[in-house]
Amino acid sequence: MPSLQIRELPEDLYQALSLRAQEQGRSLAQQALYELRRLPELTAAARRRATLAKIRERVAREGTRDLKPTPEELIREDRNR
């Protein structure tokens, strides 16, 4: 199994990771793996929030008539990325 070693990890990042690991009852390595595995899920959620913010802004500016693309299309596009 491949391994990863991080050199010169900033102290604040180490402390934050260590604290979260301790709170969750995980080792530092387990917590790092947990957080790395969640990255795709977190970035997808951020893209959805950005898409919804664009929709809200556009609706506030133009109203709901003749929205092209529709909110559904924007969300579908975001999911397909």
PDB file of N, CA and C in Angstrom:
ATOM      1  N   MET A   1       0.846  -1.173   0.000  1.00  0.00           N
ATOM      2  CA  MET A   1       0.000   0.000   0.000  1.00  0.00           C
ATOM      3  C   MET A   1       0.896   1.244   0.000  1.00  0.00           C
ATOM      4  N   PRO A   2       0.594   2.222  -0.842  1.00  0.00           N
ATOM      5  CA  PRO A   2       1.393   3.446  -0.873  1.00  0.00           C
ATOM      6  C   PRO A   2       1.282   4.216   0.446  1.00  0.00           C
ATOM      7  N   SER A   3       2.297   4.998   0.728  1.00  0.00           N
ATOM      8  CA  SER A   3       2.265   5.828   1.929  1.00  0.00           C
ATOM      9  C   SER A   3       2.630   7.258   1.548  1.00  0.00           C
ATOM     10  N   LEU A   4       2.378   8.155   2.471  1.00  0.00           N
ATOM     11  CA  LEU A   4       2.616   9.578   2.230  1.00  0.00           C
ATOM     12  C   LEU A   4       3.283  10.169   3.460  1.00  0.00           C
ATOM     13  N   GLN A   5       4.356  10.909   3.237  1.00  0.00           N
ATOM     14  CA  GLN A   5       5.019  11.599   4.329  1.00  0.00           C
ATOM     15  C   GLN A   5       5.005  13.083   3.991  1.00  0.00           C
ATOM     16  N   ILE A   6       4.593  13.890   4.927  1.00  0.00           N
ATOM     17  CA  ILE A   6       4.529  15.333   4.694  1.00  0.00           C
ATOM     18  C   ILE A   6       5.616  15.995   5.524  1.00  0.00           C
ATOM     19  N   ARG A   7       6.519  16.664   4.865  1.00  0.00           N
ATOM     20  CA  ARG A   7       7.600  17.376   5.553  1.00  0.00           C
ATOM     21  C   ARG A   7       7.216  18.836   5.716  1.00  0.00           C
ATOM     22  N   GLU A   8       7.726  19.420   6.761  1.00  0.00           N
ATOM     23  CA  GLU A   8       7.541  20.843   7.038  1.00  0.00           C
ATOM     24  C   GLU A   8       6.065  21.238   7.074  1.00  0.00           C
ATOM     25  N   LEU A   9       5.257  20.406   7.696  1.00  0.00           N
ATOM     26  CA  LEU A   9       3.840  20.693   7.884  1.00  0.00           C
ATOM     27  C   LEU A   9       3.724  21.872   8.835  1.00  0.00           C
ATOM     28  N   PRO A  10       3.016  22.930   8.450  1.00  0.00           N
ATOM     29  CA  PRO A  10       2.874  24.074   9.351  1.00  0.00           C
ATOM     30  C   PRO A  10       2.260  23.654  10.688  1.00  0.00           C
ATOM     31  N   GLU A  11       2.773  24.239  11.745  1.00  0.00           N
ATOM     32  CA  GLU A  11       2.352  23.869  13.106  1.00  0.00           C
ATOM     33  C   GLU A  11       0.846  24.026  13.306  1.00  0.00           C
ATOM     34  N   ASP A  12       0.255  25.101  12.749  1.00  0.00           N
ATOM     35  CA  ASP A  12      -1.183  25.311  12.946  1.00  0.00           C
ATOM     36  C   ASP A  12      -2.003  24.213  12.275  1.00  0.00           C
ATOM     37  N   LEU A  13      -1.576  23.733  11.118  1.00  0.00           N
ATOM     38  CA  LEU A  13      -2.277  22.635  10.452  1.00  0.00           C
ATOM     39  C   LEU A  13      -2.138  21.341  11.246  1.00  0.00           C
ATOM     40  N   TYR A  14      -0.954  21.106  11.747  1.00  0.00           N
ATOM     41  CA  TYR A  14      -0.732  19.912  12.552  1.00  0.00           C
ATOM     42  C   TYR A  14      -1.604  19.927  13.799  1.00  0.00           C
ATOM     43  N   GLN A  15      -1.634  21.067  14.479  1.00  0.00           N
ATOM     44  CA  GLN A  15      -2.427  21.172  15.701  1.00  0.00           C
ATOM     45  C   GLN A  15      -3.916  20.981  15.420  1.00  0.00           C
ATOM     46  N   ALA A  16      -4.418  21.579  14.331  1.00  0.00           N
ATOM     47  CA  ALA A  16      -5.832  21.443  13.990  1.00  0.00           C
ATOM     48  C   ALA A  16      -6.175  19.990  13.655  1.00  0.00           C
ATOM     49  N   LEU A  17      -5.333  19.342  12.882  1.00  0.00           N
ATOM     50  CA  LEU A  17      -5.563  17.941  12.525  1.00  0.00           C
ATOM     51  C   LEU A  17      -5.488  17.054  13.763  1.00  0.00           C
ATOM     52  N   SER A  18      -4.529  17.325  14.605  1.00  0.00           N
ATOM     53  CA  SER A  18      -4.357  16.560  15.828  1.00  0.00           C
ATOM     54  C   SER A  18      -5.571  16.716  16.751  1.00  0.00           C
ATOM     55  N   LEU A  19      -6.070  17.916  16.870  1.00  0.00           N
ATOM     56  CA  LEU A  19      -7.241  18.173  17.715  1.00  0.00           C
ATOM     57  C   LEU A  19      -8.469  17.441  17.183  1.00  0.00           C
ATOM     58  N   ARG A  20      -8.692  17.522  15.860  1.00  0.00           N
ATOM     59  CA  ARG A  20      -9.843  16.822  15.273  1.00  0.00           C
ATOM     60  C   ARG A  20      -9.706  15.314  15.435  1.00  0.00           C
ATOM     61  N   ALA A  21      -8.488  14.794  15.301  1.00  0.00           N
ATOM     62  CA  ALA A  21      -8.258  13.355  15.479  1.00  0.00           C
ATOM     63  C   ALA A  21      -8.582  12.955  16.910  1.00  0.00           C
ATOM     64  N   GLN A  22      -8.134  13.740  17.854  1.00  0.00           N
ATOM     65  CA  GLN A  22      -8.383  13.449  19.261  1.00  0.00           C
ATOM     66  C   GLN A  22      -9.880  13.494  19.570  1.00  0.00           C
ATOM     67  N   GLU A  23     -10.576  14.495  19.038  1.00  0.00           N
ATOM     68  CA  GLU A  23     -12.017  14.622  19.271  1.00  0.00           C
ATOM     69  C   GLU A  23     -12.790  13.430  18.702  1.00  0.00           C
ATOM     70  N   GLN A  24     -12.314  12.896  17.591  1.00  0.00           N
ATOM     71  CA  GLN A  24     -13.002  11.791  16.917  1.00  0.00           C
ATOM     72  C   GLN A  24     -12.495  10.412  17.359  1.00  0.00           C
ATOM     73  N   GLY A  25     -11.506  10.379  18.239  1.00  0.00           N
ATOM     74  CA  GLY A  25     -10.959   9.106  18.690  1.00  0.00           C
ATOM     75  C   GLY A  25     -10.178   8.380  17.606  1.00  0.00           C
ATOM     76  N   ARG A  26      -9.540   9.155  16.737  1.00  0.00           N
ATOM     77  CA  ARG A  26      -8.754   8.565  15.649  1.00  0.00           C
ATOM     78  C   ARG A  26      -7.281   8.900  15.841  1.00  0.00           C
ATOM     79  N   SER A  27      -6.446   8.108  15.194  1.00  0.00           N
ATOM     80  CA  SER A  27      -5.027   8.460  15.156  1.00  0.00           C
ATOM     81  C   SER A  27      -4.862   9.608  14.168  1.00  0.00           C
ATOM     82  N   LEU A  28      -3.711  10.224  14.204  1.00  0.00           N
ATOM     83  CA  LEU A  28      -3.432  11.312  13.269  1.00  0.00           C
ATOM     84  C   LEU A  28      -3.510  10.822  11.826  1.00  0.00           C
ATOM     85  N   ALA A  29      -2.959   9.648  11.555  1.00  0.00           N
ATOM     86  CA  ALA A  29      -2.993   9.089  10.196  1.00  0.00           C
ATOM     87  C   ALA A  29      -4.427   8.778   9.771  1.00  0.00           C
ATOM     88  N   GLN A  30      -5.224   8.211  10.681  1.00  0.00           N
ATOM     89  CA  GLN A  30      -6.623   7.907  10.353  1.00  0.00           C
ATOM     90  C   GLN A  30      -7.400   9.190  10.043  1.00  0.00           C
ATOM     91  N   GLN A  31      -7.156  10.225  10.836  1.00  0.00           N
ATOM     92  CA  GLN A  31      -7.860  11.493  10.611  1.00  0.00           C
ATOM     93  C   GLN A  31      -7.454  12.114   9.277  1.00  0.00           C
ATOM     94  N   ALA A  32      -6.185  12.052   8.959  1.00  0.00           N
ATOM     95  CA  ALA A  32      -5.717  12.590   7.680  1.00  0.00           C
ATOM     96  C   ALA A  32      -6.379  11.861   6.517  1.00  0.00           C
ATOM     97  N   LEU A  33      -6.451  10.525   6.600  1.00  0.00           N
ATOM     98  CA  LEU A  33      -7.110   9.748   5.543  1.00  0.00           C
ATOM     99  C   LEU A  33      -8.599  10.095   5.456  1.00  0.00           C
ATOM    100  N   TYR A  34      -9.248  10.223   6.597  1.00  0.00           N
ATOM    101  CA  TYR A  34     -10.669  10.574   6.629  1.00  0.00           C
ATOM    102  C   TYR A  34     -10.899  11.906   5.910  1.00  0.00           C
ATOM    103  N   GLU A  35     -10.095  12.892   6.231  1.00  0.00           N
ATOM    104  CA  GLU A  35     -10.270  14.214   5.629  1.00  0.00           C
ATOM    105  C   GLU A  35      -9.912  14.220   4.152  1.00  0.00           C
ATOM    106  N   LEU A  36      -8.894  13.485   3.765  1.00  0.00           N
ATOM    107  CA  LEU A  36      -8.549  13.411   2.338  1.00  0.00           C
ATOM    108  C   LEU A  36      -9.669  12.744   1.532  1.00  0.00           C
ATOM    109  N   ARG A  37     -10.288  11.726   2.116  1.00  0.00           N
ATOM    110  CA  ARG A  37     -11.389  11.047   1.420  1.00  0.00           C
ATOM    111  C   ARG A  37     -12.608  11.951   1.269  1.00  0.00           C
ATOM    112  N   ARG A  38     -12.789  12.913   2.163  1.00  0.00           N
ATOM    113  CA  ARG A  38     -13.949  13.802   2.112  1.00  0.00           C
ATOM    114  C   ARG A  38     -13.770  14.965   1.133  1.00  0.00           C
ATOM    115  N   LEU A  39     -12.585  15.215   0.663  1.00  0.00           N
ATOM    116  CA  LEU A  39     -12.336  16.366  -0.214  1.00  0.00           C
ATOM    117  C   LEU A  39     -13.247  16.423  -1.437  1.00  0.00           C
ATOM    118  N   PRO A  40     -13.411  15.352  -2.201  1.00  0.00           N
ATOM    119  CA  PRO A  40     -14.298  15.444  -3.365  1.00  0.00           C
ATOM    120  C   PRO A  40     -15.732  15.808  -2.978  1.00  0.00           C
ATOM    121  N   GLU A  41     -16.201  15.247  -1.892  1.00  0.00           N
ATOM    122  CA  GLU A  41     -17.555  15.533  -1.405  1.00  0.00           C
ATOM    123  C   GLU A  41     -17.682  17.005  -1.004  1.00  0.00           C
ATOM    124  N   LEU A  42     -16.660  17.540  -0.359  1.00  0.00           N
ATOM    125  CA  LEU A  42     -16.706  18.931   0.081  1.00  0.00           C
ATOM    126  C   LEU A  42     -16.630  19.898  -1.089  1.00  0.00           C
ATOM    127  N   THR A  43     -15.804  19.589  -2.092  1.00  0.00           N
ATOM    128  CA  THR A  43     -15.711  20.488  -3.234  1.00  0.00           C
ATOM    129  C   THR A  43     -16.985  20.456  -4.059  1.00  0.00           C
ATOM    130  N   ALA A  44     -17.635  19.296  -4.134  1.00  0.00           N
ATOM    131  CA  ALA A  44     -18.911  19.209  -4.852  1.00  0.00           C
ATOM    132  C   ALA A  44     -19.965  20.058  -4.146  1.00  0.00           C
ATOM    133  N   ALA A  45     -19.988  19.998  -2.828  1.00  0.00           N
ATOM    134  CA  ALA A  45     -20.949  20.801  -2.065  1.00  0.00           C
ATOM    135  C   ALA A  45     -20.681  22.288  -2.278  1.00  0.00           C
ATOM    136  N   ALA A  46     -19.423  22.665  -2.327  1.00  0.00           N
ATOM    137  CA  ALA A  46     -19.077  24.075  -2.550  1.00  0.00           C
ATOM    138  C   ALA A  46     -19.527  24.525  -3.936  1.00  0.00           C
ATOM    139  N   ARG A  47     -19.368  23.662  -4.942  1.00  0.00           N
ATOM    140  CA  ARG A  47     -19.822  24.015  -6.296  1.00  0.00           C
ATOM    141  C   ARG A  47     -21.335  24.171  -6.337  1.00  0.00           C
ATOM    142  N   ARG A  48     -22.052  23.289  -5.628  1.00  0.00           N
ATOM    143  CA  ARG A  48     -23.518  23.406  -5.588  1.00  0.00           C
ATOM    144  C   ARG A  48     -23.935  24.712  -4.932  1.00  0.00           C
ATOM    145  N   ARG A  49     -23.279  25.072  -3.838  1.00  0.00           N
ATOM    146  CA  ARG A  49     -23.600  26.341  -3.173  1.00  0.00           C
ATOM    147  C   ARG A  49     -23.329  27.526  -4.092  1.00  0.00           C
ATOM    148  N   ALA A  50     -22.233  27.473  -4.835  1.00  0.00           N
ATOM    149  CA  ALA A  50     -21.905  28.561  -5.766  1.00  0.00           C
ATOM    150  C   ALA A  50     -22.941  28.644  -6.876  1.00  0.00           C
ATOM    151  N   THR A  51     -23.374  27.504  -7.391  1.00  0.00           N
ATOM    152  CA  THR A  51     -24.395  27.475  -8.433  1.00  0.00           C
ATOM    153  C   THR A  51     -25.705  28.046  -7.916  1.00  0.00           C
ATOM    154  N   LEU A  52     -26.106  27.640  -6.726  1.00  0.00           N
ATOM    155  CA  LEU A  52     -27.346  28.169  -6.149  1.00  0.00           C
ATOM    156  C   LEU A  52     -27.249  29.668  -5.883  1.00  0.00           C
ATOM    157  N   ALA A  53     -26.087  30.144  -5.490  1.00  0.00           N
ATOM    158  CA  ALA A  53     -25.899  31.579  -5.279  1.00  0.00           C
ATOM    159  C   ALA A  53     -26.058  32.337  -6.599  1.00  0.00           C
ATOM    160  N   LYS A  54     -25.529  31.775  -7.684  1.00  0.00           N
ATOM    161  CA  LYS A  54     -25.697  32.403  -8.997  1.00  0.00           C
ATOM    162  C   LYS A  54     -27.166  32.452  -9.392  1.00  0.00           C
ATOM    163  N   ILE A  55     -27.882  31.369  -9.116  1.00  0.00           N
ATOM    164  CA  ILE A  55     -29.311  31.328  -9.446  1.00  0.00           C
ATOM    165  C   ILE A  55     -30.055  32.388  -8.646  1.00  0.00           C
ATOM    166  N   ARG A  56     -29.791  32.461  -7.348  1.00  0.00           N
ATOM    167  CA  ARG A  56     -30.473  33.453  -6.507  1.00  0.00           C
ATOM    168  C   ARG A  56     -30.182  34.880  -6.977  1.00  0.00           C
ATOM    169  N   GLU A  57     -28.937  35.126  -7.315  1.00  0.00           N
ATOM    170  CA  GLU A  57     -28.546  36.453  -7.791  1.00  0.00           C
ATOM    171  C   GLU A  57     -29.277  36.808  -9.082  1.00  0.00           C
ATOM    172  N   ARG A  58     -29.326  35.838  -9.972  1.00  0.00           N
ATOM    173  CA  ARG A  58     -29.991  36.073 -11.257  1.00  0.00           C
ATOM    174  C   ARG A  58     -31.497  36.275 -11.091  1.00  0.00           C
ATOM    175  N   VAL A  59     -32.114  35.491 -10.212  1.00  0.00           N
ATOM    176  CA  VAL A  59     -33.545  35.640  -9.951  1.00  0.00           C
ATOM    177  C   VAL A  59     -33.814  37.012  -9.331  1.00  0.00           C
ATOM    178  N   ALA A  60     -32.959  37.432  -8.418  1.00  0.00           N
ATOM    179  CA  ALA A  60     -33.129  38.743  -7.789  1.00  0.00           C
ATOM    180  C   ALA A  60     -32.986  39.862  -8.817  1.00  0.00           C
ATOM    181  N   ARG A  61     -32.107  39.667  -9.765  1.00  0.00           N
ATOM    182  CA  ARG A  61     -31.847  40.683 -10.778  1.00  0.00           C
ATOM    183  C   ARG A  61     -32.891  40.663 -11.890  1.00  0.00           C
ATOM    184  N   GLU A  62     -33.270  39.480 -12.370  1.00  0.00           N
ATOM    185  CA  GLU A  62     -34.104  39.376 -13.562  1.00  0.00           C
ATOM    186  C   GLU A  62     -35.494  38.807 -13.301  1.00  0.00           C
ATOM    187  N   GLY A  63     -35.746  38.318 -12.108  1.00  0.00           N
ATOM    188  CA  GLY A  63     -37.015  37.643 -11.855  1.00  0.00           C
ATOM    189  C   GLY A  63     -36.935  36.206 -12.332  1.00  0.00           C
ATOM    190  N   THR A  64     -38.049  35.508 -12.266  1.00  0.00           N
ATOM    191  CA  THR A  64     -38.038  34.081 -12.610  1.00  0.00           C
ATOM    192  C   THR A  64     -38.448  33.795 -14.043  1.00  0.00           C
ATOM    193  N   ARG A  65     -38.888  34.781 -14.745  1.00  0.00           N
ATOM    194  CA  ARG A  65     -39.305  34.543 -16.135  1.00  0.00           C
ATOM    195  C   ARG A  65     -38.107  34.343 -17.044  1.00  0.00           C
ATOM    196  N   ASP A  66     -38.271  33.418 -17.948  1.00  0.00           N
ATOM    197  CA  ASP A  66     -37.283  33.172 -19.005  1.00  0.00           C
ATOM    198  C   ASP A  66     -35.871  32.945 -18.486  1.00  0.00           C
ATOM    199  N   LEU A  67     -35.751  32.225 -17.413  1.00  0.00           N
ATOM    200  CA  LEU A  67     -34.416  31.876 -16.941  1.00  0.00           C
ATOM    201  C   LEU A  67     -33.835  30.813 -17.860  1.00  0.00           C
ATOM    202  N   LYS A  68     -32.739  31.138 -18.473  1.00  0.00           N
ATOM    203  CA  LYS A  68     -32.053  30.200 -19.348  1.00  0.00           C
ATOM    204  C   LYS A  68     -30.587  30.240 -18.992  1.00  0.00           C
ATOM    205  N   PRO A  69     -29.990  29.207 -18.612  1.00  0.00           N
ATOM    206  CA  PRO A  69     -30.579  27.901 -18.366  1.00  0.00           C
ATOM    207  C   PRO A  69     -31.433  27.927 -17.102  1.00  0.00           C
ATOM    208  N   THR A  70     -32.305  26.955 -17.001  1.00  0.00           N
ATOM    209  CA  THR A  70     -33.177  26.856 -15.845  1.00  0.00           C
ATOM    210  C   THR A  70     -32.358  26.425 -14.636  1.00  0.00           C
ATOM    211  N   PRO A  71     -32.874  26.649 -13.439  1.00  0.00           N
ATOM    212  CA  PRO A  71     -32.150  26.178 -12.255  1.00  0.00           C
ATOM    213  C   PRO A  71     -31.867  24.682 -12.303  1.00  0.00           C
ATOM    214  N   GLU A  72     -32.807  23.925 -12.811  1.00  0.00           N
ATOM    215  CA  GLU A  72     -32.598  22.480 -12.917  1.00  0.00           C
ATOM    216  C   GLU A  72     -31.431  22.161 -13.841  1.00  0.00           C
ATOM    217  N   GLU A  73     -31.345  22.891 -14.938  1.00  0.00           N
ATOM    218  CA  GLU A  73     -30.247  22.668 -15.882  1.00  0.00           C
ATOM    219  C   GLU A  73     -28.901  23.029 -15.259  1.00  0.00           C
ATOM    220  N   LEU A  74     -28.874  24.114 -14.486  1.00  0.00           N
ATOM    221  CA  LEU A  74     -27.633  24.506 -13.827  1.00  0.00           C
ATOM    222  C   LEU A  74     -27.190  23.457 -12.812  1.00  0.00           C
ATOM    223  N   ILE A  75     -28.136  22.950 -12.053  1.00  0.00           N
ATOM    224  CA  ILE A  75     -27.808  21.936 -11.056  1.00  0.00           C
ATOM    225  C   ILE A  75     -27.357  20.651 -11.735  1.00  0.00           C
ATOM    226  N   ARG A  76     -28.056  20.259 -12.810  1.00  0.00           N
ATOM    227  CA  ARG A  76     -27.662  19.061 -13.551  1.00  0.00           C
ATOM    228  C   ARG A  76     -26.247  19.228 -14.101  1.00  0.00           C
ATOM    229  N   GLU A  77     -25.959  20.410 -14.644  1.00  0.00           N
ATOM    230  CA  GLU A  77     -24.611  20.680 -15.175  1.00  0.00           C
ATOM    231  C   GLU A  77     -23.565  20.562 -14.078  1.00  0.00           C
ATOM    232  N   ASP A  78     -23.879  21.095 -12.893  1.00  0.00           N
ATOM    233  CA  ASP A  78     -22.953  21.023 -11.778  1.00  0.00           C
ATOM    234  C   ASP A  78     -22.718  19.569 -11.369  1.00  0.00           C
ATOM    235  N   ARG A  79     -23.751  18.776 -11.316  1.00  0.00           N
ATOM    236  CA  ARG A  79     -23.616  17.367 -10.935  1.00  0.00           C
ATOM    237  C   ARG A  79     -22.795  16.576 -11.939  1.00  0.00           C
ATOM    238  N   ASN A  80     -22.877  16.950 -13.201  1.00  0.00           N
ATOM    239  CA  ASN A  80     -22.167  16.210 -14.257  1.00  0.00           C
ATOM    240  C   ASN A  80     -20.692  16.542 -14.328  1.00  0.00           C
ATOM    241  N   ARG A  81     -20.241  17.553 -13.598  1.00  0.00           N
ATOM    242  CA  ARG A  81     -18.817  17.903 -13.628  1.00  0.00           C
ATOM    243  C   ARG A  81     -17.997  16.894 -12.915  1.00  0.00           C
TER     244      ARG A  81
END
